[in-house]
Amino acid sequence: MEETLKQRGKEVENEDTSTTSIKCAISPFDLVPTITRSDTKDSIDRDAVLARVESEKRLALIKAWEESEKTKAENRAYKRHNAVVLWENSKKASAEAHLKRIEEKLDRNKAKCVEKMQNKVAEIHRTAEEKRAMIEAYKGEEFLEIEEKAAKFRTRGYSPRKFLPCFGS
C-alpha cells in the first residue's frame, strides 16, 4: 500500500523507520477502493477518514448555517430597533407639535383675557372719572346755592336759622 500512495504523489509516515512527512488532503483517488482486498487495515482507516471528513463537512455546514441565522436575527433586531426609534421620534414630534398648538391657543386666550381685563379697568376708570365729574358738578351747584343764600342773607340782613342743625336754635 505504501508504494501505491507514493505512486500517487503522497508521502506518509513510515511506521518502521519512524520518519514523519507531510500528508496532503484526500484526493478523489484515495476514495476509490483498491482492487486488492488484502489490506483490511487500510480500508478501515480509509472508512474512518471518510467518516471524519463527512462529519467535519456536516459540522462546517451547521456552523455556517448557525452564523447565517445569527446574522439574520441581528439584522431583524436592528430593523425592529430602528422602527421603534422612528416611531418614538414621530410620536415625540407629534406630541411637541400638539403642545405647541396648545401653548399658542393658551397665549391667544391669555391675550384676549388680558385685553378684556384692560378694557374692564379702562371702563372702571372712565366710570370713576364720570362719577368724580358728577360730584364736582354737584359740589359746584351746592356752592352756587350757598353763595346765593349767603347773598340773600347779606341783602336782607339776618342770619340763617339752621346754622347747626344738631342743636336746633
N, C-alpha and C. Protein backbone atom coordinates (compact mmCIF):
# COMPACT_ATOMS: atom_id res chain seq x y z
N MET A 1 0.82 -1.19 0.00
CA MET A 1 0.00 0.00 0.00
C MET A 1 0.86 1.24 0.00
N GLU A 2 1.98 1.18 0.65
CA GLU A 2 2.88 2.32 0.71
C GLU A 2 3.34 2.70 -0.67
N GLU A 3 3.55 1.75 -1.45
CA GLU A 3 4.01 2.03 -2.80
C GLU A 3 2.93 2.70 -3.62
N THR A 4 1.69 2.28 -3.42
CA THR A 4 0.61 2.91 -4.19
C THR A 4 0.42 4.36 -3.79
N LEU A 5 0.58 4.69 -2.51
CA LEU A 5 0.46 6.07 -2.06
C LEU A 5 1.58 6.92 -2.62
N LYS A 6 2.79 6.35 -2.65
CA LYS A 6 3.92 7.11 -3.20
C LYS A 6 3.76 7.29 -4.69
N GLN A 7 3.18 6.31 -5.33
CA GLN A 7 2.96 6.43 -6.76
C GLN A 7 1.97 7.56 -7.05
N ARG A 8 1.04 7.78 -6.16
CA ARG A 8 0.05 8.83 -6.35
C ARG A 8 0.59 10.20 -5.92
N GLY A 9 1.78 10.28 -5.45
CA GLY A 9 2.38 11.56 -5.11
C GLY A 9 2.20 11.93 -3.66
N LYS A 10 1.97 10.99 -2.80
CA LYS A 10 1.76 11.29 -1.39
C LYS A 10 2.89 10.72 -0.58
N GLU A 11 3.18 11.46 0.46
CA GLU A 11 4.17 10.96 1.40
C GLU A 11 3.44 10.67 2.70
N VAL A 12 3.74 9.55 3.30
CA VAL A 12 3.08 9.17 4.54
C VAL A 12 4.13 8.81 5.56
N GLU A 13 3.67 8.64 6.77
CA GLU A 13 4.57 8.32 7.87
C GLU A 13 4.92 6.83 7.77
N ASN A 14 6.16 6.58 7.85
CA ASN A 14 6.64 5.21 7.78
C ASN A 14 6.73 4.68 9.19
N GLU A 15 6.01 3.61 9.46
CA GLU A 15 5.96 3.10 10.82
C GLU A 15 7.26 2.39 11.21
N ASP A 16 7.92 1.83 10.26
CA ASP A 16 9.14 1.09 10.56
C ASP A 16 10.30 2.01 10.86
N THR A 17 10.41 3.10 10.12
CA THR A 17 11.57 3.96 10.27
C THR A 17 11.30 5.14 11.18
N SER A 18 10.06 5.39 11.61
CA SER A 18 9.66 6.50 12.48
C SER A 18 9.97 7.85 11.89
N THR A 19 9.88 7.98 10.61
CA THR A 19 10.06 9.28 9.98
C THR A 19 8.70 9.87 9.68
N THR A 20 8.65 11.16 9.80
CA THR A 20 7.39 11.85 9.58
C THR A 20 7.50 12.70 8.32
N SER A 21 6.47 12.69 7.54
CA SER A 21 6.43 13.54 6.35
C SER A 21 5.05 14.18 6.27
N ILE A 22 4.86 15.08 5.36
CA ILE A 22 3.62 15.84 5.23
C ILE A 22 2.58 15.00 4.51
N LYS A 23 1.35 15.04 5.04
CA LYS A 23 0.24 14.32 4.41
C LYS A 23 -0.69 15.36 3.81
N CYS A 24 -1.02 15.25 2.56
CA CYS A 24 -1.87 16.22 1.87
C CYS A 24 -3.32 15.85 2.05
N ALA A 25 -4.17 16.70 1.53
CA ALA A 25 -5.61 16.45 1.60
C ALA A 25 -5.96 15.22 0.78
N ILE A 26 -7.11 14.68 1.05
CA ILE A 26 -7.54 13.45 0.38
C ILE A 26 -7.98 13.80 -1.02
N SER A 27 -7.49 13.04 -1.98
CA SER A 27 -7.88 13.25 -3.37
C SER A 27 -8.97 12.26 -3.73
N PRO A 28 -9.64 12.48 -4.83
CA PRO A 28 -10.67 11.51 -5.25
C PRO A 28 -10.11 10.11 -5.48
N PHE A 29 -8.83 10.02 -5.79
CA PHE A 29 -8.23 8.70 -5.99
C PHE A 29 -8.17 7.91 -4.70
N ASP A 30 -8.04 8.65 -3.58
CA ASP A 30 -7.99 7.96 -2.30
C ASP A 30 -9.34 7.37 -1.93
N LEU A 31 -10.39 7.97 -2.42
CA LEU A 31 -11.71 7.49 -2.08
C LEU A 31 -12.08 6.21 -2.82
N VAL A 32 -11.45 5.97 -3.97
CA VAL A 32 -11.72 4.76 -4.75
C VAL A 32 -11.04 3.58 -4.06
N PRO A 33 -11.79 2.54 -3.73
CA PRO A 33 -11.15 1.40 -3.07
C PRO A 33 -10.17 0.70 -4.01
N THR A 34 -9.14 0.20 -3.43
CA THR A 34 -8.14 -0.51 -4.22
C THR A 34 -8.68 -1.88 -4.60
N ILE A 35 -8.13 -2.41 -5.63
CA ILE A 35 -8.60 -3.69 -6.13
C ILE A 35 -8.23 -4.83 -5.20
N THR A 36 -7.14 -4.69 -4.57
CA THR A 36 -6.72 -5.76 -3.66
C THR A 36 -7.42 -5.59 -2.33
N ARG A 37 -7.91 -6.66 -1.80
CA ARG A 37 -8.60 -6.63 -0.53
C ARG A 37 -7.73 -7.23 0.56
N SER A 38 -6.52 -7.30 0.35
CA SER A 38 -5.63 -7.93 1.32
C SER A 38 -5.40 -7.03 2.52
N ASP A 39 -5.41 -5.71 2.27
CA ASP A 39 -5.13 -4.78 3.37
C ASP A 39 -6.46 -4.32 3.96
N THR A 40 -6.97 -4.95 4.97
CA THR A 40 -8.21 -4.53 5.61
C THR A 40 -7.96 -3.35 6.54
N LYS A 41 -6.73 -3.23 7.03
CA LYS A 41 -6.41 -2.12 7.93
C LYS A 41 -6.51 -0.80 7.18
N ASP A 42 -5.99 -0.77 5.96
CA ASP A 42 -6.06 0.46 5.17
C ASP A 42 -7.50 0.81 4.83
N SER A 43 -8.34 -0.15 4.55
CA SER A 43 -9.72 0.14 4.22
C SER A 43 -10.48 0.64 5.44
N ILE A 44 -10.15 0.13 6.62
CA ILE A 44 -10.78 0.62 7.85
C ILE A 44 -10.33 2.04 8.11
N ASP A 45 -9.04 2.32 7.90
CA ASP A 45 -8.54 3.69 8.07
C ASP A 45 -9.21 4.63 7.08
N ARG A 46 -9.35 4.18 5.86
CA ARG A 46 -9.97 4.99 4.83
C ARG A 46 -11.44 5.27 5.20
N ASP A 47 -12.12 4.29 5.69
CA ASP A 47 -13.51 4.49 6.11
C ASP A 47 -13.58 5.48 7.27
N ALA A 48 -12.64 5.37 8.20
CA ALA A 48 -12.61 6.29 9.34
C ALA A 48 -12.34 7.72 8.87
N VAL A 49 -11.42 7.86 7.92
CA VAL A 49 -11.10 9.19 7.39
C VAL A 49 -12.31 9.75 6.65
N LEU A 50 -12.95 8.91 5.85
CA LEU A 50 -14.14 9.36 5.14
C LEU A 50 -15.24 9.78 6.11
N ALA A 51 -15.43 9.02 7.16
CA ALA A 51 -16.44 9.36 8.16
C ALA A 51 -16.08 10.66 8.86
N ARG A 52 -14.78 10.83 9.15
CA ARG A 52 -14.34 12.07 9.80
C ARG A 52 -14.52 13.27 8.89
N VAL A 53 -14.18 13.10 7.61
CA VAL A 53 -14.35 14.18 6.65
C VAL A 53 -15.83 14.54 6.52
N GLU A 54 -16.66 13.50 6.43
CA GLU A 54 -18.10 13.74 6.33
C GLU A 54 -18.61 14.46 7.57
N SER A 55 -18.13 14.07 8.74
CA SER A 55 -18.54 14.71 9.99
C SER A 55 -18.07 16.17 10.03
N GLU A 56 -16.83 16.41 9.63
CA GLU A 56 -16.30 17.78 9.61
C GLU A 56 -17.09 18.65 8.63
N LYS A 57 -17.43 18.07 7.47
CA LYS A 57 -18.21 18.79 6.48
C LYS A 57 -19.57 19.17 7.05
N ARG A 58 -20.23 18.21 7.71
CA ARG A 58 -21.53 18.45 8.32
C ARG A 58 -21.42 19.53 9.39
N LEU A 59 -20.39 19.43 10.25
CA LEU A 59 -20.19 20.42 11.30
C LEU A 59 -19.92 21.82 10.72
N ALA A 60 -19.16 21.88 9.62
CA ALA A 60 -18.88 23.17 8.98
C ALA A 60 -20.16 23.77 8.40
N LEU A 61 -21.00 22.92 7.79
CA LEU A 61 -22.27 23.41 7.27
C LEU A 61 -23.17 23.90 8.40
N ILE A 62 -23.20 23.15 9.49
CA ILE A 62 -24.02 23.56 10.64
C ILE A 62 -23.53 24.89 11.20
N LYS A 63 -22.19 25.02 11.30
CA LYS A 63 -21.62 26.27 11.82
C LYS A 63 -21.94 27.45 10.89
N ALA A 64 -21.84 27.23 9.58
CA ALA A 64 -22.15 28.28 8.62
C ALA A 64 -23.63 28.65 8.72
N TRP A 65 -24.51 27.65 8.83
CA TRP A 65 -25.94 27.92 8.97
C TRP A 65 -26.21 28.72 10.24
N GLU A 66 -25.55 28.31 11.34
CA GLU A 66 -25.73 28.99 12.62
C GLU A 66 -25.33 30.46 12.51
N GLU A 67 -24.17 30.72 11.91
CA GLU A 67 -23.70 32.09 11.74
C GLU A 67 -24.66 32.89 10.86
N SER A 68 -25.16 32.25 9.81
CA SER A 68 -26.10 32.92 8.91
C SER A 68 -27.39 33.28 9.66
N GLU A 69 -27.91 32.36 10.44
CA GLU A 69 -29.13 32.61 11.19
C GLU A 69 -28.92 33.70 12.25
N LYS A 70 -27.76 33.67 12.90
CA LYS A 70 -27.45 34.72 13.88
C LYS A 70 -27.40 36.09 13.21
N THR A 71 -26.79 36.15 12.03
CA THR A 71 -26.70 37.40 11.30
C THR A 71 -28.09 37.89 10.91
N LYS A 72 -28.93 36.96 10.44
CA LYS A 72 -30.30 37.33 10.08
C LYS A 72 -31.06 37.85 11.30
N ALA A 73 -30.89 37.18 12.45
CA ALA A 73 -31.56 37.62 13.67
C ALA A 73 -31.07 39.00 14.09
N GLU A 74 -29.77 39.22 13.97
CA GLU A 74 -29.21 40.54 14.29
C GLU A 74 -29.80 41.61 13.38
N ASN A 75 -29.89 41.31 12.09
CA ASN A 75 -30.44 42.28 11.14
C ASN A 75 -31.91 42.57 11.43
N ARG A 76 -32.68 41.52 11.75
CA ARG A 76 -34.09 41.74 12.10
C ARG A 76 -34.21 42.60 13.35
N ALA A 77 -33.39 42.29 14.36
CA ALA A 77 -33.42 43.08 15.60
C ALA A 77 -33.03 44.53 15.32
N TYR A 78 -32.03 44.74 14.46
CA TYR A 78 -31.60 46.08 14.12
C TYR A 78 -32.72 46.85 13.43
N LYS A 79 -33.40 46.19 12.48
CA LYS A 79 -34.52 46.83 11.78
C LYS A 79 -35.64 47.17 12.74
N ARG A 80 -35.96 46.24 13.63
CA ARG A 80 -37.01 46.50 14.60
C ARG A 80 -36.64 47.63 15.54
N HIS A 81 -35.37 47.64 15.95
CA HIS A 81 -34.89 48.73 16.82
C HIS A 81 -35.03 50.07 16.10
N ASN A 82 -34.63 50.12 14.83
CA ASN A 82 -34.76 51.36 14.08
C ASN A 82 -36.22 51.76 13.91
N ALA A 83 -37.09 50.76 13.72
CA ALA A 83 -38.52 51.06 13.59
C ALA A 83 -39.04 51.67 14.89
N VAL A 84 -38.60 51.13 16.02
CA VAL A 84 -39.04 51.68 17.32
C VAL A 84 -38.52 53.10 17.50
N VAL A 85 -37.27 53.33 17.10
CA VAL A 85 -36.69 54.67 17.21
C VAL A 85 -37.47 55.66 16.33
N LEU A 86 -37.78 55.25 15.11
CA LEU A 86 -38.54 56.11 14.21
C LEU A 86 -39.93 56.38 14.77
N TRP A 87 -40.58 55.34 15.30
CA TRP A 87 -41.91 55.51 15.89
C TRP A 87 -41.84 56.48 17.05
N GLU A 88 -40.83 56.28 17.92
CA GLU A 88 -40.67 57.16 19.08
C GLU A 88 -40.46 58.60 18.64
N ASN A 89 -39.60 58.81 17.65
CA ASN A 89 -39.31 60.17 17.19
C ASN A 89 -40.56 60.82 16.58
N SER A 90 -41.32 60.04 15.80
CA SER A 90 -42.53 60.62 15.21
C SER A 90 -43.55 60.95 16.28
N LYS A 91 -43.70 60.09 17.28
CA LYS A 91 -44.66 60.36 18.36
C LYS A 91 -44.22 61.58 19.18
N LYS A 92 -42.91 61.68 19.43
CA LYS A 92 -42.39 62.85 20.16
C LYS A 92 -42.68 64.13 19.37
N ALA A 93 -42.40 64.10 18.07
CA ALA A 93 -42.63 65.28 17.23
C ALA A 93 -44.10 65.64 17.22
N SER A 94 -44.96 64.64 17.13
CA SER A 94 -46.40 64.88 17.14
C SER A 94 -46.83 65.50 18.47
N ALA A 95 -46.33 64.94 19.57
CA ALA A 95 -46.69 65.47 20.89
C ALA A 95 -46.17 66.90 21.06
N GLU A 96 -44.95 67.16 20.60
CA GLU A 96 -44.40 68.50 20.72
C GLU A 96 -45.20 69.49 19.87
N ALA A 97 -45.62 69.07 18.68
CA ALA A 97 -46.43 69.94 17.83
C ALA A 97 -47.78 70.22 18.50
N HIS A 98 -48.36 69.18 19.08
CA HIS A 98 -49.63 69.36 19.79
C HIS A 98 -49.46 70.32 20.97
N LEU A 99 -48.38 70.13 21.72
CA LEU A 99 -48.09 71.02 22.84
C LEU A 99 -47.91 72.46 22.37
N LYS A 100 -47.23 72.63 21.25
CA LYS A 100 -47.01 73.97 20.72
C LYS A 100 -48.34 74.61 20.32
N ARG A 101 -49.23 73.82 19.68
CA ARG A 101 -50.55 74.34 19.32
C ARG A 101 -51.33 74.75 20.56
N ILE A 102 -51.26 73.92 21.60
CA ILE A 102 -51.96 74.24 22.85
C ILE A 102 -51.39 75.52 23.45
N GLU A 103 -50.05 75.63 23.47
CA GLU A 103 -49.42 76.84 24.02
C GLU A 103 -49.84 78.08 23.23
N GLU A 104 -49.88 77.96 21.90
CA GLU A 104 -50.31 79.10 21.09
C GLU A 104 -51.75 79.46 21.39
N LYS A 105 -52.60 78.44 21.53
CA LYS A 105 -54.00 78.69 21.85
C LYS A 105 -54.12 79.36 23.21
N LEU A 106 -53.34 78.87 24.19
CA LEU A 106 -53.36 79.48 25.51
C LEU A 106 -52.86 80.92 25.46
N ASP A 107 -51.82 81.15 24.66
CA ASP A 107 -51.31 82.51 24.53
C ASP A 107 -52.38 83.44 23.93
N ARG A 108 -53.09 82.92 22.89
CA ARG A 108 -54.16 83.74 22.30
C ARG A 108 -55.25 84.01 23.33
N ASN A 109 -55.65 82.96 24.07
CA ASN A 109 -56.68 83.15 25.10
C ASN A 109 -56.20 84.11 26.18
N LYS A 110 -54.93 83.98 26.56
CA LYS A 110 -54.38 84.88 27.57
C LYS A 110 -54.42 86.32 27.07
N ALA A 111 -54.03 86.50 25.81
CA ALA A 111 -54.04 87.85 25.23
C ALA A 111 -55.47 88.41 25.22
N LYS A 112 -56.43 87.55 24.85
CA LYS A 112 -57.83 88.01 24.85
C LYS A 112 -58.27 88.39 26.26
N CYS A 113 -57.94 87.54 27.24
CA CYS A 113 -58.34 87.81 28.63
C CYS A 113 -57.66 89.08 29.14
N VAL A 114 -56.38 89.24 28.82
CA VAL A 114 -55.67 90.46 29.24
C VAL A 114 -56.33 91.68 28.62
N GLU A 115 -56.68 91.58 27.34
CA GLU A 115 -57.34 92.70 26.68
C GLU A 115 -58.69 92.99 27.33
N LYS A 116 -59.46 91.93 27.64
CA LYS A 116 -60.75 92.14 28.31
C LYS A 116 -60.56 92.82 29.65
N MET A 117 -59.57 92.35 30.43
CA MET A 117 -59.32 92.96 31.75
C MET A 117 -58.87 94.40 31.60
N GLN A 118 -58.03 94.68 30.61
CA GLN A 118 -57.60 96.06 30.40
C GLN A 118 -58.79 96.94 30.01
N ASN A 119 -59.67 96.39 29.17
CA ASN A 119 -60.87 97.15 28.80
C ASN A 119 -61.75 97.38 30.01
N LYS A 120 -61.87 96.34 30.86
CA LYS A 120 -62.68 96.47 32.06
C LYS A 120 -62.09 97.53 32.99
N VAL A 121 -60.76 97.50 33.17
CA VAL A 121 -60.10 98.50 34.01
C VAL A 121 -60.30 99.90 33.41
N ALA A 122 -60.20 100.01 32.10
CA ALA A 122 -60.42 101.31 31.45
C ALA A 122 -61.86 101.77 31.64
N GLU A 123 -62.80 100.85 31.52
CA GLU A 123 -64.22 101.19 31.74
C GLU A 123 -64.45 101.65 33.18
N ILE A 124 -63.84 100.94 34.14
CA ILE A 124 -63.96 101.32 35.54
C ILE A 124 -63.37 102.71 35.76
N HIS A 125 -62.21 102.96 35.16
CA HIS A 125 -61.57 104.27 35.29
C HIS A 125 -62.44 105.36 34.68
N ARG A 126 -63.02 105.09 33.50
CA ARG A 126 -63.90 106.07 32.86
C ARG A 126 -65.13 106.34 33.72
N THR A 127 -65.72 105.27 34.25
CA THR A 127 -66.89 105.45 35.11
C THR A 127 -66.52 106.24 36.35
N ALA A 128 -65.37 105.94 36.95
CA ALA A 128 -64.92 106.68 38.14
C ALA A 128 -64.71 108.16 37.80
N GLU A 129 -64.14 108.44 36.64
CA GLU A 129 -63.94 109.83 36.22
C GLU A 129 -65.29 110.53 36.05
N GLU A 130 -66.26 109.81 35.46
CA GLU A 130 -67.59 110.40 35.31
C GLU A 130 -68.20 110.71 36.67
N LYS A 131 -68.07 109.78 37.61
CA LYS A 131 -68.62 109.99 38.96
C LYS A 131 -67.93 111.16 39.64
N ARG A 132 -66.60 111.24 39.48
CA ARG A 132 -65.87 112.38 40.06
C ARG A 132 -66.37 113.70 39.45
N ALA A 133 -66.58 113.69 38.13
CA ALA A 133 -67.05 114.89 37.45
C ALA A 133 -68.46 115.26 37.96
N MET A 134 -69.29 114.23 38.17
CA MET A 134 -70.65 114.48 38.70
C MET A 134 -70.57 115.09 40.09
N ILE A 135 -69.70 114.52 40.91
CA ILE A 135 -69.54 115.03 42.28
C ILE A 135 -69.07 116.48 42.23
N GLU A 136 -68.09 116.75 41.37
CA GLU A 136 -67.60 118.12 41.23
C GLU A 136 -68.73 119.05 40.74
N ALA A 137 -69.56 118.55 39.83
CA ALA A 137 -70.68 119.38 39.33
C ALA A 137 -71.67 119.66 40.45
N TYR A 138 -72.04 118.59 41.24
CA TYR A 138 -72.95 118.81 42.37
C TYR A 138 -72.35 119.77 43.38
N LYS A 139 -71.05 119.60 43.62
CA LYS A 139 -70.37 120.49 44.56
C LYS A 139 -70.45 121.94 44.06
N GLY A 140 -70.21 122.11 42.78
CA GLY A 140 -70.29 123.45 42.19
C GLY A 140 -71.69 124.03 42.32
N GLU A 141 -72.70 123.18 42.07
CA GLU A 141 -74.08 123.64 42.20
C GLU A 141 -74.39 124.01 43.64
N GLU A 142 -73.95 123.18 44.58
CA GLU A 142 -74.19 123.46 46.00
C GLU A 142 -73.50 124.76 46.41
N PHE A 143 -72.25 124.95 45.89
CA PHE A 143 -71.55 126.20 46.21
C PHE A 143 -72.35 127.40 45.67
N LEU A 144 -72.89 127.25 44.49
CA LEU A 144 -73.68 128.35 43.93
C LEU A 144 -74.92 128.63 44.78
N GLU A 145 -75.61 127.55 45.20
CA GLU A 145 -76.80 127.74 46.04
C GLU A 145 -76.42 128.41 47.37
N ILE A 146 -75.31 127.94 47.93
CA ILE A 146 -74.86 128.50 49.21
C ILE A 146 -74.51 129.98 49.02
N GLU A 147 -73.79 130.29 47.94
CA GLU A 147 -73.43 131.67 47.68
C GLU A 147 -74.68 132.53 47.47
N GLU A 148 -75.67 131.96 46.78
CA GLU A 148 -76.91 132.72 46.56
C GLU A 148 -77.63 132.96 47.89
N LYS A 149 -77.71 131.92 48.72
CA LYS A 149 -78.36 132.09 50.02
C LYS A 149 -77.58 133.10 50.88
N ALA A 150 -76.23 132.96 50.83
CA ALA A 150 -75.42 133.89 51.62
C ALA A 150 -75.65 135.32 51.13
N ALA A 151 -75.77 135.51 49.83
CA ALA A 151 -76.01 136.84 49.27
C ALA A 151 -77.39 137.33 49.71
N LYS A 152 -78.37 136.43 49.76
CA LYS A 152 -79.71 136.77 50.20
C LYS A 152 -79.70 137.19 51.66
N PHE A 153 -78.95 136.38 52.48
CA PHE A 153 -78.85 136.74 53.91
C PHE A 153 -78.17 138.09 54.07
N ARG A 154 -77.17 138.37 53.29
CA ARG A 154 -76.47 139.64 53.40
C ARG A 154 -77.39 140.80 53.00
N THR A 155 -78.14 140.58 51.94
CA THR A 155 -79.02 141.67 51.48
C THR A 155 -80.16 141.90 52.45
N ARG A 156 -80.69 140.91 53.08
CA ARG A 156 -81.81 141.06 53.99
C ARG A 156 -81.32 141.42 55.40
N GLY A 157 -80.12 141.07 55.69
CA GLY A 157 -79.55 141.46 56.97
C GLY A 157 -79.82 140.51 58.11
N TYR A 158 -80.17 139.31 57.92
CA TYR A 158 -80.33 138.38 59.05
C TYR A 158 -79.54 137.11 58.80
N SER A 159 -79.34 136.34 59.86
CA SER A 159 -78.51 135.15 59.78
C SER A 159 -79.39 133.91 59.59
N PRO A 160 -78.78 132.89 59.08
CA PRO A 160 -79.55 131.66 58.84
C PRO A 160 -79.98 131.02 60.13
N ARG A 161 -81.16 130.41 60.16
CA ARG A 161 -81.69 129.79 61.36
C ARG A 161 -81.01 128.46 61.65
N LYS A 162 -80.80 127.68 60.69
CA LYS A 162 -80.25 126.33 60.93
C LYS A 162 -78.75 126.35 60.69
N PHE A 163 -78.06 127.02 61.56
CA PHE A 163 -76.62 127.07 61.44
C PHE A 163 -76.03 125.74 61.85
N LEU A 164 -76.47 125.25 63.03
CA LEU A 164 -76.07 123.92 63.46
C LEU A 164 -77.33 123.10 63.69
N PRO A 165 -77.73 122.32 62.75
CA PRO A 165 -79.00 121.62 62.84
C PRO A 165 -79.06 120.65 64.02
N CYS A 166 -77.97 120.24 64.57
CA CYS A 166 -77.97 119.29 65.68
C CYS A 166 -78.54 119.96 66.94
N PHE A 167 -78.19 121.20 67.11
CA PHE A 167 -78.57 121.87 68.35
C PHE A 167 -79.94 122.53 68.24
N GLY A 168 -80.36 122.84 67.08
CA GLY A 168 -81.65 123.48 66.84
C GLY A 168 -81.82 124.78 67.61
N SER A 169 -81.78 125.89 66.99
CA SER A 169 -81.89 127.13 67.71
C SER A 169 -83.21 127.78 67.61
